[in-house]
Amino acid sequence: MEARARKVAQKEAEKERKQRELEDEFWKEDDKNMLKKLQRKEKKQKKKTDQLEKKKESQHLAEEEMSSI
């Protein structure tokens, strides 16, 4: 009885997973122009965060140098 219940639960979980995959595939962005736009946006954001990190690091080094003097 328990084995049958587990088997049914497993089938339902597999069915739900397949349904989610189909839904994800439906909403997947496949417009090339939109994908390029998103890539440019991500690249720009990454560049901005890198610049901020670099600025913080140089500021930290400058403060460290000033405190050592």
Protein backbone atom coordinates (compact mmCIF):
# COMPACT_ATOMS: atom_id res chain seq x y z
CA MET A 1 0.00 0.00 0.00
CA GLU A 2 2.80 2.41 0.96
CA ALA A 3 4.79 1.47 -2.12
CA ARG A 4 1.80 2.22 -4.32
CA ALA A 5 1.35 5.63 -2.65
CA ARG A 6 5.04 6.43 -3.16
CA LYS A 7 4.80 5.38 -6.80
CA VAL A 8 1.79 7.64 -7.36
CA ALA A 9 3.52 10.54 -5.60
CA GLN A 10 6.62 9.99 -7.72
CA LYS A 11 4.56 9.99 -10.94
CA GLU A 12 2.82 13.21 -9.88
CA ALA A 13 6.15 14.86 -9.09
CA GLU A 14 7.52 13.84 -12.50
CA LYS A 15 4.39 15.14 -14.21
CA GLU A 16 4.67 18.47 -12.35
CA ARG A 17 8.36 18.76 -13.28
CA LYS A 18 7.58 18.20 -16.96
CA GLN A 19 4.80 20.78 -16.79
CA ARG A 20 7.21 23.33 -15.27
CA GLU A 21 9.76 22.60 -18.02
CA LEU A 22 7.12 23.16 -20.70
CA GLU A 23 6.06 26.42 -19.07
CA ASP A 24 9.67 27.61 -18.79
CA GLU A 25 10.24 26.75 -22.45
CA PHE A 26 7.14 28.73 -23.40
CA TRP A 27 8.32 31.86 -21.58
CA LYS A 28 11.93 31.52 -22.74
CA GLU A 29 13.14 34.60 -24.58
CA ASP A 30 14.29 33.67 -28.07
CA ASP A 31 14.25 37.03 -29.83
CA LYS A 32 17.85 37.62 -30.91
CA ASN A 33 17.64 41.39 -30.61
CA MET A 34 16.19 41.14 -27.12
CA LEU A 35 18.89 38.66 -26.11
CA LYS A 36 21.61 40.99 -27.37
CA LYS A 37 20.01 43.86 -25.49
CA LEU A 38 19.96 41.82 -22.28
CA GLN A 39 23.59 40.78 -22.78
CA ARG A 40 24.64 44.41 -23.27
CA LYS A 41 22.72 45.39 -20.16
CA GLU A 42 24.38 42.64 -18.11
CA LYS A 43 27.82 43.57 -19.45
CA LYS A 44 27.23 47.23 -18.61
CA GLN A 45 26.09 46.32 -15.09
CA LYS A 46 29.13 44.07 -14.58
CA LYS A 47 31.46 46.81 -15.76
CA LYS A 48 29.83 49.28 -13.37
CA THR A 49 30.20 46.93 -10.39
CA ASP A 50 33.83 46.24 -11.33
CA GLN A 51 34.52 49.96 -11.43
CA LEU A 52 32.92 50.45 -8.02
CA GLU A 53 34.97 47.62 -6.55
CA LYS A 54 38.14 49.06 -8.04
CA LYS A 55 37.29 52.51 -6.68
CA LYS A 56 36.65 51.12 -3.18
CA GLU A 57 39.89 49.17 -3.29
CA SER A 58 41.94 52.20 -4.36
CA GLN A 59 40.21 54.32 -1.72
CA HIS A 60 41.00 51.71 0.92
CA LEU A 61 44.65 51.58 -0.18
CA ALA A 62 44.89 55.38 -0.09
CA GLU A 63 43.44 55.48 3.44
CA GLU A 64 45.82 52.72 4.51
CA GLU A 65 48.78 54.62 3.09
CA MET A 66 47.72 57.85 4.77
CA SER A 67 47.35 56.10 8.13
CA SER A 68 50.80 54.55 7.82
CA ILE A 69 52.37 57.98 7.18
